[in-house]
Structure formats: structure tokens, C-alpha cells
Amino acid sequence: GRAGRGFLYTLTRALGDLSALFSGDSKKRAKRAGRRATGKATGKAFRKLFR
């Protein structure tokens, strides 16, 4: 029993870390994509203003 329990514990912890990592990454990616989109939009607006 004890070895099996420890293995399950480490497995669940590893899975939790992985899920947290993936959710954090997707959030960061979404933020980056959003920033890029807004940056492009504002850049176009600025160019129109300064032309």
C-alpha cells in the first residue's frame, strides 16, 4: 500500500501541475494574441491620423 499511495499522490500532483501549466499558457497566449490584435488596430489608426 504505501508505495502505491505515494505513486498516486505524485501522479495527481504532476497532473495538477500540468493542467495549471496548460491553463496558464493558454491564458498568456490569449493575452498576447489580444495585445497583438489591439496593437495592429491602434497602429493602423495612428497611421491614418498622421497621414
PDB file of N, CA and C in Angstrom:
ATOM      1  N   GLY A   1       0.626  -1.208   0.000  1.00  0.00           N
ATOM      2  CA  GLY A   1       0.000   0.000   0.000  1.00  0.00           C
ATOM      3  C   GLY A   1       0.675   1.302   0.000  1.00  0.00           C
ATOM      4  N   ARG A   2       1.754   1.463   0.800  1.00  0.00           N
ATOM      5  CA  ARG A   2       2.286   2.827   0.916  1.00  0.00           C
ATOM      6  C   ARG A   2       2.919   3.306  -0.381  1.00  0.00           C
ATOM      7  N   ALA A   3       3.650   2.424  -1.055  1.00  0.00           N
ATOM      8  CA  ALA A   3       4.318   2.821  -2.295  1.00  0.00           C
ATOM      9  C   ALA A   3       3.283   3.217  -3.344  1.00  0.00           C
ATOM     10  N   GLY A   4       2.200   2.438  -3.430  1.00  0.00           N
ATOM     11  CA  GLY A   4       1.153   2.738  -4.401  1.00  0.00           C
ATOM     12  C   GLY A   4       0.513   4.082  -4.117  1.00  0.00           C
ATOM     13  N   ARG A   5       0.278   4.365  -2.823  1.00  0.00           N
ATOM     14  CA  ARG A   5      -0.335   5.634  -2.449  1.00  0.00           C
ATOM     15  C   ARG A   5       0.585   6.795  -2.832  1.00  0.00           C
ATOM     16  N   GLY A   6       1.884   6.635  -2.551  1.00  0.00           N
ATOM     17  CA  GLY A   6       2.831   7.691  -2.892  1.00  0.00           C
ATOM     18  C   GLY A   6       2.867   7.935  -4.388  1.00  0.00           C
ATOM     19  N   PHE A   7       2.782   6.835  -5.154  1.00  0.00           N
ATOM     20  CA  PHE A   7       2.787   6.979  -6.607  1.00  0.00           C
ATOM     21  C   PHE A   7       1.551   7.738  -7.073  1.00  0.00           C
ATOM     22  N   LEU A   8       0.399   7.375  -6.495  1.00  0.00           N
ATOM     23  CA  LEU A   8      -0.842   8.066  -6.870  1.00  0.00           C
ATOM     24  C   LEU A   8      -0.747   9.547  -6.519  1.00  0.00           C
ATOM     25  N   TYR A   9      -0.166   9.834  -5.345  1.00  0.00           N
ATOM     26  CA  TYR A   9      -0.034  11.217  -4.899  1.00  0.00           C
ATOM     27  C   TYR A   9       0.819  12.019  -5.872  1.00  0.00           C
ATOM     28  N   THR A  10       1.999  11.459  -6.227  1.00  0.00           N
ATOM     29  CA  THR A  10       2.878  12.173  -7.151  1.00  0.00           C
ATOM     30  C   THR A  10       2.216  12.308  -8.515  1.00  0.00           C
ATOM     31  N   LEU A  11       1.474  11.278  -8.929  1.00  0.00           N
ATOM     32  CA  LEU A  11       0.807  11.325 -10.230  1.00  0.00           C
ATOM     33  C   LEU A  11      -0.237  12.443 -10.261  1.00  0.00           C
ATOM     34  N   THR A  12      -1.074  12.498  -9.213  1.00  0.00           N
ATOM     35  CA  THR A  12      -2.106  13.538  -9.182  1.00  0.00           C
ATOM     36  C   THR A  12      -1.468  14.922  -9.106  1.00  0.00           C
ATOM     37  N   ARG A  13      -0.368  15.029  -8.353  1.00  0.00           N
ATOM     38  CA  ARG A  13       0.312  16.327  -8.259  1.00  0.00           C
ATOM     39  C   ARG A  13       0.868  16.727  -9.612  1.00  0.00           C
ATOM     40  N   ALA A  14       1.483  15.758 -10.326  1.00  0.00           N
ATOM     41  CA  ALA A  14       2.037  16.043 -11.647  1.00  0.00           C
ATOM     42  C   ALA A  14       0.926  16.460 -12.603  1.00  0.00           C
ATOM     43  N   LEU A  15      -0.206  15.759 -12.526  1.00  0.00           N
ATOM     44  CA  LEU A  15      -1.342  16.097 -13.400  1.00  0.00           C
ATOM     45  C   LEU A  15      -1.858  17.496 -13.082  1.00  0.00           C
ATOM     46  N   GLY A  16      -1.924  17.826 -11.789  1.00  0.00           N
ATOM     47  CA  GLY A  16      -2.369  19.159 -11.397  1.00  0.00           C
ATOM     48  C   GLY A  16      -1.434  20.230 -11.928  1.00  0.00           C
ATOM     49  N   ASP A  17      -0.122  19.986 -11.809  1.00  0.00           N
ATOM     50  CA  ASP A  17       0.853  20.941 -12.321  1.00  0.00           C
ATOM     51  C   ASP A  17       0.693  21.108 -13.818  1.00  0.00           C
ATOM     52  N   LEU A  18       0.502  19.985 -14.526  1.00  0.00           N
ATOM     53  CA  LEU A  18       0.347  20.038 -15.981  1.00  0.00           C
ATOM     54  C   LEU A  18      -0.884  20.847 -16.364  1.00  0.00           C
ATOM     55  N   SER A  19      -2.012  20.568 -15.701  1.00  0.00           N
ATOM     56  CA  SER A  19      -3.246  21.283 -16.037  1.00  0.00           C
ATOM     57  C   SER A  19      -3.087  22.775 -15.746  1.00  0.00           C
ATOM     58  N   ALA A  20      -2.443  23.115 -14.617  1.00  0.00           N
ATOM     59  CA  ALA A  20      -2.218  24.518 -14.280  1.00  0.00           C
ATOM     60  C   ALA A  20      -1.321  25.164 -15.329  1.00  0.00           C
ATOM     61  N   LEU A  21      -0.298  24.419 -15.744  1.00  0.00           N
ATOM     62  CA  LEU A  21       0.628  24.944 -16.742  1.00  0.00           C
ATOM     63  C   LEU A  21      -0.105  25.222 -18.044  1.00  0.00           C
ATOM     64  N   PHE A  22      -0.935  24.257 -18.474  1.00  0.00           N
ATOM     65  CA  PHE A  22      -1.639  24.422 -19.749  1.00  0.00           C
ATOM     66  C   PHE A  22      -2.635  25.572 -19.681  1.00  0.00           C
ATOM     67  N   SER A  23      -3.390  25.676 -18.597  1.00  0.00           N
ATOM     68  CA  SER A  23      -4.374  26.754 -18.487  1.00  0.00           C
ATOM     69  C   SER A  23      -3.661  28.106 -18.447  1.00  0.00           C
ATOM     70  N   GLY A  24      -2.548  28.175 -17.709  1.00  0.00           N
ATOM     71  CA  GLY A  24      -1.794  29.424 -17.653  1.00  0.00           C
ATOM     72  C   GLY A  24      -1.247  29.798 -19.012  1.00  0.00           C
ATOM     73  N   ASP A  25      -0.723  28.798 -19.729  1.00  0.00           N
ATOM     74  CA  ASP A  25      -0.167  29.062 -21.056  1.00  0.00           C
ATOM     75  C   ASP A  25      -1.239  29.579 -22.000  1.00  0.00           C
ATOM     76  N   SER A  26      -2.417  28.932 -21.989  1.00  0.00           N
ATOM     77  CA  SER A  26      -3.482  29.355 -22.898  1.00  0.00           C
ATOM     78  C   SER A  26      -3.906  30.784 -22.570  1.00  0.00           C
ATOM     79  N   LYS A  27      -3.961  31.119 -21.289  1.00  0.00           N
ATOM     80  CA  LYS A  27      -4.328  32.480 -20.893  1.00  0.00           C
ATOM     81  C   LYS A  27      -3.288  33.471 -21.387  1.00  0.00           C
ATOM     82  N   LYS A  28      -2.004  33.126 -21.200  1.00  0.00           N
ATOM     83  CA  LYS A  28      -0.930  34.009 -21.658  1.00  0.00           C
ATOM     84  C   LYS A  28      -0.998  34.183 -23.163  1.00  0.00           C
ATOM     85  N   ARG A  29      -1.237  33.056 -23.867  1.00  0.00           N
ATOM     86  CA  ARG A  29      -1.315  33.114 -25.327  1.00  0.00           C
ATOM     87  C   ARG A  29      -2.469  34.002 -25.761  1.00  0.00           C
ATOM     88  N   ALA A  30      -3.605  33.867 -25.096  1.00  0.00           N
ATOM     89  CA  ALA A  30      -4.774  34.682 -25.441  1.00  0.00           C
ATOM     90  C   ALA A  30      -4.463  36.157 -25.209  1.00  0.00           C
ATOM     91  N   LYS A  31      -3.803  36.456 -24.087  1.00  0.00           N
ATOM     92  CA  LYS A  31      -3.437  37.842 -23.785  1.00  0.00           C
ATOM     93  C   LYS A  31      -2.507  38.382 -24.855  1.00  0.00           C
ATOM     94  N   ARG A  32      -1.502  37.574 -25.226  1.00  0.00           N
ATOM     95  CA  ARG A  32      -0.538  38.003 -26.233  1.00  0.00           C
ATOM     96  C   ARG A  32      -1.225  38.247 -27.569  1.00  0.00           C
ATOM     97  N   ALA A  33      -2.107  37.317 -27.947  1.00  0.00           N
ATOM     98  CA  ALA A  33      -2.830  37.453 -29.216  1.00  0.00           C
ATOM     99  C   ALA A  33      -3.699  38.713 -29.185  1.00  0.00           C
ATOM    100  N   GLY A  34      -4.374  38.933 -28.058  1.00  0.00           N
ATOM    101  CA  GLY A  34      -5.213  40.123 -27.924  1.00  0.00           C
ATOM    102  C   GLY A  34      -4.394  41.391 -28.024  1.00  0.00           C
ATOM    103  N   ARG A  35      -3.239  41.401 -27.355  1.00  0.00           N
ATOM    104  CA  ARG A  35      -2.372  42.575 -27.408  1.00  0.00           C
ATOM    105  C   ARG A  35      -1.902  42.827 -28.832  1.00  0.00           C
ATOM    106  N   ARG A  36      -1.543  41.737 -29.530  1.00  0.00           N
ATOM    107  CA  ARG A  36      -1.066  41.869 -30.897  1.00  0.00           C
ATOM    108  C   ARG A  36      -2.165  42.451 -31.784  1.00  0.00           C
ATOM    109  N   ALA A  37      -3.396  41.952 -31.593  1.00  0.00           N
ATOM    110  CA  ALA A  37      -4.526  42.424 -32.398  1.00  0.00           C
ATOM    111  C   ALA A  37      -4.789  43.903 -32.115  1.00  0.00           C
ATOM    112  N   THR A  38      -4.829  44.274 -30.834  1.00  0.00           N
ATOM    113  CA  THR A  38      -5.087  45.673 -30.487  1.00  0.00           C
ATOM    114  C   THR A  38      -3.938  46.553 -30.959  1.00  0.00           C
ATOM    115  N   GLY A  39      -2.712  46.036 -30.864  1.00  0.00           N
ATOM    116  CA  GLY A  39      -1.553  46.797 -31.330  1.00  0.00           C
ATOM    117  C   GLY A  39      -1.645  47.088 -32.810  1.00  0.00           C
ATOM    118  N   LYS A  40      -2.045  46.084 -33.586  1.00  0.00           N
ATOM    119  CA  LYS A  40      -2.200  46.275 -35.029  1.00  0.00           C
ATOM    120  C   LYS A  40      -3.289  47.301 -35.306  1.00  0.00           C
ATOM    121  N   ALA A  41      -4.415  47.183 -34.591  1.00  0.00           N
ATOM    122  CA  ALA A  41      -5.543  48.095 -34.800  1.00  0.00           C
ATOM    123  C   ALA A  41      -5.136  49.527 -34.473  1.00  0.00           C
ATOM    124  N   THR A  42      -4.486  49.726 -33.314  1.00  0.00           N
ATOM    125  CA  THR A  42      -4.077  51.078 -32.927  1.00  0.00           C
ATOM    126  C   THR A  42      -3.030  51.609 -33.894  1.00  0.00           C
ATOM    127  N   GLY A  43      -2.140  50.734 -34.359  1.00  0.00           N
ATOM    128  CA  GLY A  43      -1.123  51.152 -35.324  1.00  0.00           C
ATOM    129  C   GLY A  43      -1.759  51.668 -36.600  1.00  0.00           C
ATOM    130  N   LYS A  44      -2.772  50.964 -37.085  1.00  0.00           N
ATOM    131  CA  LYS A  44      -3.474  51.407 -38.295  1.00  0.00           C
ATOM    132  C   LYS A  44      -4.148  52.750 -38.055  1.00  0.00           C
ATOM    133  N   ALA A  45      -4.794  52.890 -36.906  1.00  0.00           N
ATOM    134  CA  ALA A  45      -5.483  54.141 -36.579  1.00  0.00           C
ATOM    135  C   ALA A  45      -4.487  55.294 -36.535  1.00  0.00           C
ATOM    136  N   PHE A  46      -3.338  55.069 -35.896  1.00  0.00           N
ATOM    137  CA  PHE A  46      -2.322  56.116 -35.800  1.00  0.00           C
ATOM    138  C   PHE A  46      -1.809  56.516 -37.172  1.00  0.00           C
ATOM    139  N   ARG A  47      -1.583  55.523 -38.037  1.00  0.00           N
ATOM    140  CA  ARG A  47      -1.099  55.827 -39.381  1.00  0.00           C
ATOM    141  C   ARG A  47      -2.103  56.682 -40.139  1.00  0.00           C
ATOM    142  N   LYS A  48      -3.380  56.350 -39.975  1.00  0.00           N
ATOM    143  CA  LYS A  48      -4.427  57.127 -40.648  1.00  0.00           C
ATOM    144  C   LYS A  48      -4.433  58.562 -40.111  1.00  0.00           C
ATOM    145  N   LEU A  49      -4.243  58.694 -38.813  1.00  0.00           N
ATOM    146  CA  LEU A  49      -4.260  60.022 -38.189  1.00  0.00           C
ATOM    147  C   LEU A  49      -3.094  60.870 -38.684  1.00  0.00           C
ATOM    148  N   PHE A  50      -1.920  60.249 -38.807  1.00  0.00           N
ATOM    149  CA  PHE A  50      -0.730  61.029 -39.137  1.00  0.00           C
ATOM    150  C   PHE A  50      -0.527  61.232 -40.633  1.00  0.00           C
ATOM    151  N   ARG A  51      -1.364  60.578 -41.469  1.00  0.00           N
ATOM    152  CA  ARG A  51      -1.187  60.741 -42.905  1.00  0.00           C
ATOM    153  C   ARG A  51      -1.728  62.071 -43.380  1.00  0.00           C
TER     154      ARG A  51
END
